[in-house]
Amino acid sequence: MDLGLTGKTALITGASKGIGRAVAMALASEGVSLHITARTAEDLEAAADAIRRQFDVPVTTHAHDLSDSVEQQALLAAIGDIDILINNAGAIPGGDIEAVDEAQWREAWDLKVFGYINLTRACIGAMRGRDRGGVIVNILGVAGEKLDANYVAGSTGNASLMAFTRAVGNKSFDQGVRVVGINPGAVLTDRIEQLYRGRAEREKGDENRWQDYFGTLPLQRAAHPEEVADLATFLASDRASYINATIVTIDGGSAQ
């Protein structure tokens, strides 16, 4: 299926590893020029090299801490016009209301919640002003709909971004900009291993038992990053031109 993405330009945040890197690969396979950003320049360059080896598209790396609004503005000044924004950067710590202190809440939300909001605010105006419009895909998390007291900062942050996605998309559609979200469940990334190790230490007294939690998942496994990336790529394409202001869950049905 030709998704009609050839020649478009995308910004992917949190693109050096995991879901973000998989999305960058999937978009590159469709002929999309890439701006990829994350905190660590070395990891970004490794991701860019891997993309360039497989696909003949421009890839520009931008090492920034997107929890800092000054660095957000520096990134936006460097990239120019884009057709697609993939908001993906963010790592919210696990733990219940007593385990996560105020400093941890603020640090995590500055990156994920306010990072998504600020980049969307900055990009959506430019997208509205062009004939070709644009698409914003927010990678959120199933904890925003399947609320988890032991991941309270993440559940609350993802739920707020679900509301943000729907509210902004509802107004932007008639102006040529689609805003959609994806709620992945457990995805086999370094991030999920970190979260599950912490949970296993708290609940089982042994962090090495983190893979025990896969036994409760559909097919007894987490999703692969590429499965999320394929969905993000489709949603960013004209094939999804009537999908807007909604959240698509990809978790094998475990949130039901």
C-alpha atoms as a PDB file:
ATOM      1  CA  MET A   1       0.000   0.000   0.000  1.00  0.00           C
ATOM      2  CA  ASP A   2       1.383   3.386  -1.029  1.00  0.00           C
ATOM      3  CA  LEU A   3       0.828   5.724   1.906  1.00  0.00           C
ATOM      4  CA  GLY A   4       1.645   8.836  -0.107  1.00  0.00           C
ATOM      5  CA  LEU A   5       4.282  10.046   2.326  1.00  0.00           C
ATOM      6  CA  THR A   6       7.218  10.375  -0.075  1.00  0.00           C
ATOM      7  CA  GLY A   7       8.756  13.831   0.058  1.00  0.00           C
ATOM      8  CA  LYS A   8       7.201  14.835   3.369  1.00  0.00           C
ATOM      9  CA  THR A   9       9.208  15.946   6.405  1.00  0.00           C
ATOM     10  CA  ALA A  10       8.742  14.719   9.970  1.00  0.00           C
ATOM     11  CA  LEU A  11      10.037  15.575  13.409  1.00  0.00           C
ATOM     12  CA  ILE A  12      10.197  12.628  15.811  1.00  0.00           C
ATOM     13  CA  THR A  13      10.999  13.251  19.468  1.00  0.00           C
ATOM     14  CA  GLY A  14      12.543  10.594  21.680  1.00  0.00           C
ATOM     15  CA  ALA A  15      13.800   9.035  18.466  1.00  0.00           C
ATOM     16  CA  SER A  16      17.092   7.493  19.532  1.00  0.00           C
ATOM     17  CA  LYS A  17      15.593   4.297  20.967  1.00  0.00           C
ATOM     18  CA  GLY A  18      12.463   2.217  21.323  1.00  0.00           C
ATOM     19  CA  ILE A  19       9.206   3.370  19.763  1.00  0.00           C
ATOM     20  CA  GLY A  20      10.647   6.658  18.491  1.00  0.00           C
ATOM     21  CA  ARG A  21      13.451   4.960  16.628  1.00  0.00           C
ATOM     22  CA  ALA A  22      11.032   2.417  15.159  1.00  0.00           C
ATOM     23  CA  VAL A  23       8.743   5.236  13.974  1.00  0.00           C
ATOM     24  CA  ALA A  24      11.718   6.983  12.356  1.00  0.00           C
ATOM     25  CA  MET A  25      12.589   3.769  10.523  1.00  0.00           C
ATOM     26  CA  ALA A  26       9.018   3.236   9.352  1.00  0.00           C
ATOM     27  CA  LEU A  27       8.627   6.800   8.083  1.00  0.00           C
ATOM     28  CA  ALA A  28      11.995   6.635   6.332  1.00  0.00           C
ATOM     29  CA  SER A  29      10.873   3.460   4.562  1.00  0.00           C
ATOM     30  CA  GLU A  30       8.023   5.535   3.100  1.00  0.00           C
ATOM     31  CA  GLY A  31      10.375   8.233   1.797  1.00  0.00           C
ATOM     32  CA  VAL A  32       9.937  10.782   4.595  1.00  0.00           C
ATOM     33  CA  SER A  33      12.789  13.180   5.382  1.00  0.00           C
ATOM     34  CA  LEU A  34      13.560  13.126   9.088  1.00  0.00           C
ATOM     35  CA  HIS A  35      14.488  15.396  11.944  1.00  0.00           C
ATOM     36  CA  ILE A  36      15.122  13.205  14.984  1.00  0.00           C
ATOM     37  CA  THR A  37      15.711  14.451  18.492  1.00  0.00           C
ATOM     38  CA  ALA A  38      16.595  13.080  21.919  1.00  0.00           C
ATOM     39  CA  ARG A  39      18.876  14.079  24.762  1.00  0.00           C
ATOM     40  CA  THR A  40      21.970  12.059  23.849  1.00  0.00           C
ATOM     41  CA  ALA A  41      23.837  12.968  20.666  1.00  0.00           C
ATOM     42  CA  GLU A  42      25.697   9.645  20.490  1.00  0.00           C
ATOM     43  CA  ASP A  43      22.481   7.602  20.574  1.00  0.00           C
ATOM     44  CA  LEU A  44      20.896   9.864  17.967  1.00  0.00           C
ATOM     45  CA  GLU A  45      23.827   9.476  15.592  1.00  0.00           C
ATOM     46  CA  ALA A  46      23.677   5.709  15.970  1.00  0.00           C
ATOM     47  CA  ALA A  47      19.972   5.782  15.076  1.00  0.00           C
ATOM     48  CA  ALA A  48      20.603   8.115  12.128  1.00  0.00           C
ATOM     49  CA  ASP A  49      23.388   5.902  10.795  1.00  0.00           C
ATOM     50  CA  ALA A  50      21.113   2.862  10.935  1.00  0.00           C
ATOM     51  CA  ILE A  51      18.380   4.722   9.044  1.00  0.00           C
ATOM     52  CA  ARG A  52      20.761   6.019   6.387  1.00  0.00           C
ATOM     53  CA  ARG A  53      22.167   2.542   5.781  1.00  0.00           C
ATOM     54  CA  GLN A  54      18.713   1.243   4.893  1.00  0.00           C
ATOM     55  CA  PHE A  55      16.908   4.199   3.337  1.00  0.00           C
ATOM     56  CA  ASP A  56      17.850   6.992   0.975  1.00  0.00           C
ATOM     57  CA  VAL A  57      16.335   9.905   2.912  1.00  0.00           C
ATOM     58  CA  PRO A  58      17.832  12.933   4.669  1.00  0.00           C
ATOM     59  CA  VAL A  59      18.181  12.480   8.431  1.00  0.00           C
ATOM     60  CA  THR A  60      19.169  15.393  10.664  1.00  0.00           C
ATOM     61  CA  THR A  61      19.894  14.884  14.350  1.00  0.00           C
ATOM     62  CA  HIS A  62      19.158  17.387  17.126  1.00  0.00           C
ATOM     63  CA  ALA A  63      20.351  16.692  20.673  1.00  0.00           C
ATOM     64  CA  HIS A  64      18.039  18.568  23.042  1.00  0.00           C
ATOM     65  CA  ASP A  65      16.474  18.214  26.472  1.00  0.00           C
ATOM     66  CA  LEU A  66      12.844  18.868  25.590  1.00  0.00           C
ATOM     67  CA  SER A  67      11.855  19.396  29.217  1.00  0.00           C
ATOM     68  CA  ASP A  68      13.468  22.832  28.803  1.00  0.00           C
ATOM     69  CA  SER A  69      11.370  25.351  26.830  1.00  0.00           C
ATOM     70  CA  VAL A  70      14.510  27.184  25.693  1.00  0.00           C
ATOM     71  CA  GLU A  71      15.802  23.995  24.088  1.00  0.00           C
ATOM     72  CA  GLN A  72      12.379  23.372  22.552  1.00  0.00           C
ATOM     73  CA  GLN A  73      12.597  26.757  20.847  1.00  0.00           C
ATOM     74  CA  ALA A  74      16.147  26.047  19.659  1.00  0.00           C
ATOM     75  CA  LEU A  75      14.962  22.798  18.093  1.00  0.00           C
ATOM     76  CA  LEU A  76      12.038  24.463  16.352  1.00  0.00           C
ATOM     77  CA  ALA A  77      14.262  27.213  14.979  1.00  0.00           C
ATOM     78  CA  ALA A  78      16.599  24.598  13.506  1.00  0.00           C
ATOM     79  CA  ILE A  79      14.074  22.393  11.718  1.00  0.00           C
ATOM     80  CA  GLY A  80      11.919  24.814   9.724  1.00  0.00           C
ATOM     81  CA  ASP A  81       8.592  23.611   8.265  1.00  0.00           C
ATOM     82  CA  ILE A  82       7.462  20.056   8.889  1.00  0.00           C
ATOM     83  CA  ASP A  83       4.488  18.028   7.687  1.00  0.00           C
ATOM     84  CA  ILE A  84       4.403  15.513  10.536  1.00  0.00           C
ATOM     85  CA  LEU A  85       5.123  15.855  14.253  1.00  0.00           C
ATOM     86  CA  ILE A  86       5.525  12.666  16.271  1.00  0.00           C
ATOM     87  CA  ASN A  87       5.488  13.517  19.985  1.00  0.00           C
ATOM     88  CA  ASN A  88       7.129  10.565  21.707  1.00  0.00           C
ATOM     89  CA  ALA A  89       9.744  11.824  24.209  1.00  0.00           C
ATOM     90  CA  GLY A  90       8.992  11.142  27.838  1.00  0.00           C
ATOM     91  CA  ALA A  91       9.745   8.826  30.724  1.00  0.00           C
ATOM     92  CA  ILE A  92       7.394   9.084  33.688  1.00  0.00           C
ATOM     93  CA  PRO A  93       8.502   7.115  36.779  1.00  0.00           C
ATOM     94  CA  GLY A  94       6.470   4.302  38.239  1.00  0.00           C
ATOM     95  CA  GLY A  95       5.175   4.323  41.780  1.00  0.00           C
ATOM     96  CA  ASP A  96       2.111   5.242  43.814  1.00  0.00           C
ATOM     97  CA  ILE A  97       1.163   8.639  45.206  1.00  0.00           C
ATOM     98  CA  GLU A  98       3.560   8.292  48.137  1.00  0.00           C
ATOM     99  CA  ALA A  99       6.485   6.975  46.105  1.00  0.00           C
ATOM    100  CA  VAL A 100       6.662   9.781  43.516  1.00  0.00           C
ATOM    101  CA  ASP A 101       7.570  13.133  45.035  1.00  0.00           C
ATOM    102  CA  GLU A 102       6.824  16.595  43.669  1.00  0.00           C
ATOM    103  CA  ALA A 103      10.216  17.023  42.013  1.00  0.00           C
ATOM    104  CA  GLN A 104       9.771  13.741  40.104  1.00  0.00           C
ATOM    105  CA  TRP A 105       6.265  14.701  38.989  1.00  0.00           C
ATOM    106  CA  ARG A 106       7.438  18.070  37.709  1.00  0.00           C
ATOM    107  CA  GLU A 107      10.527  16.703  35.954  1.00  0.00           C
ATOM    108  CA  ALA A 108       8.534  13.984  34.186  1.00  0.00           C
ATOM    109  CA  TRP A 109       5.659  16.278  33.213  1.00  0.00           C
ATOM    110  CA  ASP A 110       7.987  18.998  31.936  1.00  0.00           C
ATOM    111  CA  LEU A 111       9.279  16.519  29.378  1.00  0.00           C
ATOM    112  CA  LYS A 112       6.217  14.530  28.403  1.00  0.00           C
ATOM    113  CA  VAL A 113       3.123  16.578  29.207  1.00  0.00           C
ATOM    114  CA  PHE A 114       4.396  20.105  28.660  1.00  0.00           C
ATOM    115  CA  GLY A 115       6.845  18.955  26.002  1.00  0.00           C
ATOM    116  CA  TYR A 116       3.970  17.567  23.920  1.00  0.00           C
ATOM    117  CA  ILE A 117       1.816  20.625  24.557  1.00  0.00           C
ATOM    118  CA  ASN A 118       4.539  23.135  23.706  1.00  0.00           C
ATOM    119  CA  LEU A 119       5.661  21.435  20.502  1.00  0.00           C
ATOM    120  CA  THR A 120       2.068  21.033  19.365  1.00  0.00           C
ATOM    121  CA  ARG A 121       1.346  24.707  20.068  1.00  0.00           C
ATOM    122  CA  ALA A 122       4.426  25.752  18.130  1.00  0.00           C
ATOM    123  CA  CYS A 123       3.860  23.523  15.099  1.00  0.00           C
ATOM    124  CA  ILE A 124       0.114  23.635  14.662  1.00  0.00           C
ATOM    125  CA  GLY A 125      -0.047  27.294  13.700  1.00  0.00           C
ATOM    126  CA  ALA A 126       2.468  26.864  10.893  1.00  0.00           C
ATOM    127  CA  MET A 127       0.673  23.744   9.682  1.00  0.00           C
ATOM    128  CA  ARG A 128      -2.664  25.558   9.581  1.00  0.00           C
ATOM    129  CA  GLY A 129      -1.189  28.271   7.406  1.00  0.00           C
ATOM    130  CA  ARG A 130      -0.192  25.938   4.552  1.00  0.00           C
ATOM    131  CA  ASP A 131      -2.251  24.329   1.832  1.00  0.00           C
ATOM    132  CA  ARG A 132      -0.868  20.886   2.630  1.00  0.00           C
ATOM    133  CA  GLY A 133      -1.770  21.096   6.328  1.00  0.00           C
ATOM    134  CA  GLY A 134      -0.127  18.616   8.662  1.00  0.00           C
ATOM    135  CA  VAL A 135      -0.489  15.759  11.126  1.00  0.00           C
ATOM    136  CA  ILE A 136       0.443  15.512  14.803  1.00  0.00           C
ATOM    137  CA  VAL A 137       0.675  12.033  16.330  1.00  0.00           C
ATOM    138  CA  ASN A 138       0.969  11.857  20.109  1.00  0.00           C
ATOM    139  CA  ILE A 139       2.381   8.600  21.494  1.00  0.00           C
ATOM    140  CA  LEU A 140       0.732   8.373  24.901  1.00  0.00           C
ATOM    141  CA  GLY A 141       0.154   5.167  26.869  1.00  0.00           C
ATOM    142  CA  VAL A 142      -2.632   2.815  27.858  1.00  0.00           C
ATOM    143  CA  ALA A 143      -2.272   3.847  31.513  1.00  0.00           C
ATOM    144  CA  GLY A 144      -4.228   6.954  30.542  1.00  0.00           C
ATOM    145  CA  GLU A 145      -7.345   4.817  30.066  1.00  0.00           C
ATOM    146  CA  LYS A 146      -6.560   1.849  32.308  1.00  0.00           C
ATOM    147  CA  LEU A 147      -5.751   3.907  35.373  1.00  0.00           C
ATOM    148  CA  ASP A 148      -3.056   2.484  37.610  1.00  0.00           C
ATOM    149  CA  ALA A 149      -2.461   3.669  41.167  1.00  0.00           C
ATOM    150  CA  ASN A 150       1.047   2.188  40.993  1.00  0.00           C
ATOM    151  CA  TYR A 151       1.805   4.354  37.956  1.00  0.00           C
ATOM    152  CA  VAL A 152      -0.112   7.375  39.124  1.00  0.00           C
ATOM    153  CA  ALA A 153       2.064  10.074  37.535  1.00  0.00           C
ATOM    154  CA  GLY A 154       1.965   8.270  34.202  1.00  0.00           C
ATOM    155  CA  SER A 155      -1.763   7.545  34.299  1.00  0.00           C
ATOM    156  CA  THR A 156      -2.538  11.160  35.149  1.00  0.00           C
ATOM    157  CA  GLY A 157      -0.158  12.554  32.543  1.00  0.00           C
ATOM    158  CA  ASN A 158      -1.380  10.278  29.761  1.00  0.00           C
ATOM    159  CA  ALA A 159      -5.023  10.959  30.591  1.00  0.00           C
ATOM    160  CA  SER A 160      -4.399  14.701  30.366  1.00  0.00           C
ATOM    161  CA  LEU A 161      -2.691  14.274  26.983  1.00  0.00           C
ATOM    162  CA  MET A 162      -5.598  12.165  25.738  1.00  0.00           C
ATOM    163  CA  ALA A 163      -7.914  15.068  26.539  1.00  0.00           C
ATOM    164  CA  PHE A 164      -5.465  17.519  24.972  1.00  0.00           C
ATOM    165  CA  THR A 165      -5.280  15.480  21.757  1.00  0.00           C
ATOM    166  CA  ARG A 166      -9.045  15.307  21.385  1.00  0.00           C
ATOM    167  CA  ALA A 167      -9.642  18.940  22.282  1.00  0.00           C
ATOM    168  CA  VAL A 168      -7.023  20.378  19.928  1.00  0.00           C
ATOM    169  CA  GLY A 169      -7.862  18.006  17.092  1.00  0.00           C
ATOM    170  CA  ASN A 170     -11.542  18.822  17.296  1.00  0.00           C
ATOM    171  CA  LYS A 171     -10.821  22.439  16.342  1.00  0.00           C
ATOM    172  CA  SER A 172      -7.889  21.929  13.984  1.00  0.00           C
ATOM    173  CA  PHE A 173      -9.494  19.472  11.554  1.00  0.00           C
ATOM    174  CA  ASP A 174     -11.340  22.035   9.454  1.00  0.00           C
ATOM    175  CA  GLN A 175      -8.078  24.003   9.213  1.00  0.00           C
ATOM    176  CA  GLY A 176      -6.228  21.105   7.643  1.00  0.00           C
ATOM    177  CA  VAL A 177      -4.425  19.659  10.659  1.00  0.00           C
ATOM    178  CA  ARG A 178      -5.188  16.258  12.133  1.00  0.00           C
ATOM    179  CA  VAL A 179      -4.227  15.513  15.734  1.00  0.00           C
ATOM    180  CA  VAL A 180      -4.356  11.872  16.837  1.00  0.00           C
ATOM    181  CA  GLY A 181      -3.011   9.769  19.663  1.00  0.00           C
ATOM    182  CA  ILE A 182      -1.781   6.234  20.186  1.00  0.00           C
ATOM    183  CA  ASN A 183      -2.071   4.399  23.485  1.00  0.00           C
ATOM    184  CA  PRO A 184       0.448   1.561  23.471  1.00  0.00           C
ATOM    185  CA  GLY A 185       0.254  -1.017  26.193  1.00  0.00           C
ATOM    186  CA  ALA A 186       3.442  -2.779  27.227  1.00  0.00           C
ATOM    187  CA  VAL A 187       6.048  -2.453  24.468  1.00  0.00           C
ATOM    188  CA  LEU A 188       9.345  -4.327  24.514  1.00  0.00           C
ATOM    189  CA  THR A 189      11.711  -1.390  25.065  1.00  0.00           C
ATOM    190  CA  ASP A 190      14.400  -0.433  27.564  1.00  0.00           C
ATOM    191  CA  ARG A 191      11.774   1.770  29.197  1.00  0.00           C
ATOM    192  CA  ILE A 192       9.318  -1.041  29.895  1.00  0.00           C
ATOM    193  CA  GLU A 193      12.117  -3.185  31.293  1.00  0.00           C
ATOM    194  CA  GLN A 194      13.019  -0.377  33.689  1.00  0.00           C
ATOM    195  CA  LEU A 195       9.406   0.036  34.819  1.00  0.00           C
ATOM    196  CA  TYR A 196       8.823  -3.690  35.219  1.00  0.00           C
ATOM    197  CA  ARG A 197      12.082  -4.168  37.093  1.00  0.00           C
ATOM    198  CA  GLY A 198      10.997  -1.495  39.566  1.00  0.00           C
ATOM    199  CA  ARG A 199       7.592  -3.088  39.939  1.00  0.00           C
ATOM    200  CA  ALA A 200       9.101  -6.559  40.411  1.00  0.00           C
ATOM    201  CA  GLU A 201      11.417  -5.213  43.105  1.00  0.00           C
ATOM    202  CA  ARG A 202       8.491  -3.608  44.948  1.00  0.00           C
ATOM    203  CA  GLU A 203       6.006  -6.448  44.578  1.00  0.00           C
ATOM    204  CA  LYS A 204       8.182  -9.570  44.375  1.00  0.00           C
ATOM    205  CA  GLY A 205      11.389  -8.472  46.074  1.00  0.00           C
ATOM    206  CA  ASP A 206      13.409  -9.421  42.980  1.00  0.00           C
ATOM    207  CA  GLU A 207      13.839  -7.096  40.007  1.00  0.00           C
ATOM    208  CA  ASN A 208      15.039 -10.000  37.851  1.00  0.00           C
ATOM    209  CA  ARG A 209      11.503 -11.377  37.815  1.00  0.00           C
ATOM    210  CA  TRP A 210      10.291  -8.470  35.656  1.00  0.00           C
ATOM    211  CA  GLN A 211       9.375 -10.725  32.735  1.00  0.00           C
ATOM    212  CA  ASP A 212       6.833 -12.510  34.948  1.00  0.00           C
ATOM    213  CA  TYR A 213       4.411  -9.712  34.133  1.00  0.00           C
ATOM    214  CA  PHE A 214       4.347 -10.699  30.472  1.00  0.00           C
ATOM    215  CA  GLY A 215       2.407 -13.806  31.484  1.00  0.00           C
ATOM    216  CA  THR A 216      -0.710 -11.694  32.052  1.00  0.00           C
ATOM    217  CA  LEU A 217      -0.524 -10.027  28.625  1.00  0.00           C
ATOM    218  CA  PRO A 218      -2.263 -11.218  25.442  1.00  0.00           C
ATOM    219  CA  LEU A 219      -0.019 -13.746  23.667  1.00  0.00           C
ATOM    220  CA  GLN A 220       2.160 -13.640  26.804  1.00  0.00           C
ATOM    221  CA  ARG A 221       4.325 -10.927  25.278  1.00  0.00           C
ATOM    222  CA  ALA A 222       4.682  -7.199  24.982  1.00  0.00           C
ATOM    223  CA  ALA A 223       4.122  -5.443  21.669  1.00  0.00           C
ATOM    224  CA  HIS A 224       7.113  -4.873  19.422  1.00  0.00           C
ATOM    225  CA  PRO A 225       8.086  -1.232  18.776  1.00  0.00           C
ATOM    226  CA  GLU A 226       7.598  -1.843  15.050  1.00  0.00           C
ATOM    227  CA  GLU A 227       3.921  -2.683  15.622  1.00  0.00           C
ATOM    228  CA  VAL A 228       3.369   0.730  17.172  1.00  0.00           C
ATOM    229  CA  ALA A 229       5.482   2.378  14.469  1.00  0.00           C
ATOM    230  CA  ASP A 230       3.392   0.872  11.671  1.00  0.00           C
ATOM    231  CA  LEU A 231       0.249   2.331  13.231  1.00  0.00           C
ATOM    232  CA  ALA A 232       1.869   5.752  13.677  1.00  0.00           C
ATOM    233  CA  THR A 233       2.991   5.760  10.049  1.00  0.00           C
ATOM    234  CA  PHE A 234      -0.475   4.904   8.800  1.00  0.00           C
ATOM    235  CA  LEU A 235      -2.075   7.577  10.992  1.00  0.00           C
ATOM    236  CA  ALA A 236       0.395  10.150   9.658  1.00  0.00           C
ATOM    237  CA  SER A 237      -0.571   9.339   6.070  1.00  0.00           C
ATOM    238  CA  ASP A 238      -3.384  10.518   3.823  1.00  0.00           C
ATOM    239  CA  ARG A 239      -4.822   6.993   4.052  1.00  0.00           C
ATOM    240  CA  ALA A 240      -6.014   8.060   7.514  1.00  0.00           C
ATOM    241  CA  SER A 241      -7.381  11.402   6.319  1.00  0.00           C
ATOM    242  CA  TYR A 242     -10.674  11.058   8.228  1.00  0.00           C
ATOM    243  CA  ILE A 243      -9.123   9.827  11.471  1.00  0.00           C
ATOM    244  CA  ASN A 244      -8.812  12.782  13.813  1.00  0.00           C
ATOM    245  CA  ALA A 245      -9.152  13.832  17.466  1.00  0.00           C
ATOM    246  CA  THR A 246      -9.163  10.217  18.604  1.00  0.00           C
ATOM    247  CA  ILE A 247      -6.913   7.799  20.454  1.00  0.00           C
ATOM    248  CA  VAL A 248      -6.087   4.375  19.010  1.00  0.00           C
ATOM    249  CA  THR A 249      -5.180   1.726  21.576  1.00  0.00           C
ATOM    250  CA  ILE A 250      -2.649  -0.965  20.658  1.00  0.00           C
ATOM    251  CA  ASP A 251      -2.371  -3.377  23.567  1.00  0.00           C
ATOM    252  CA  GLY A 252      -3.781  -6.689  22.365  1.00  0.00           C
ATOM    253  CA  GLY A 253      -7.022  -5.952  24.192  1.00  0.00           C
ATOM    254  CA  SER A 254      -5.572  -5.929  27.709  1.00  0.00           C
ATOM    255  CA  ALA A 255      -7.178  -2.593  28.630  1.00  0.00           C
ATOM    256  CA  GLN A 256     -10.672  -4.025  28.212  1.00  0.00           C
END
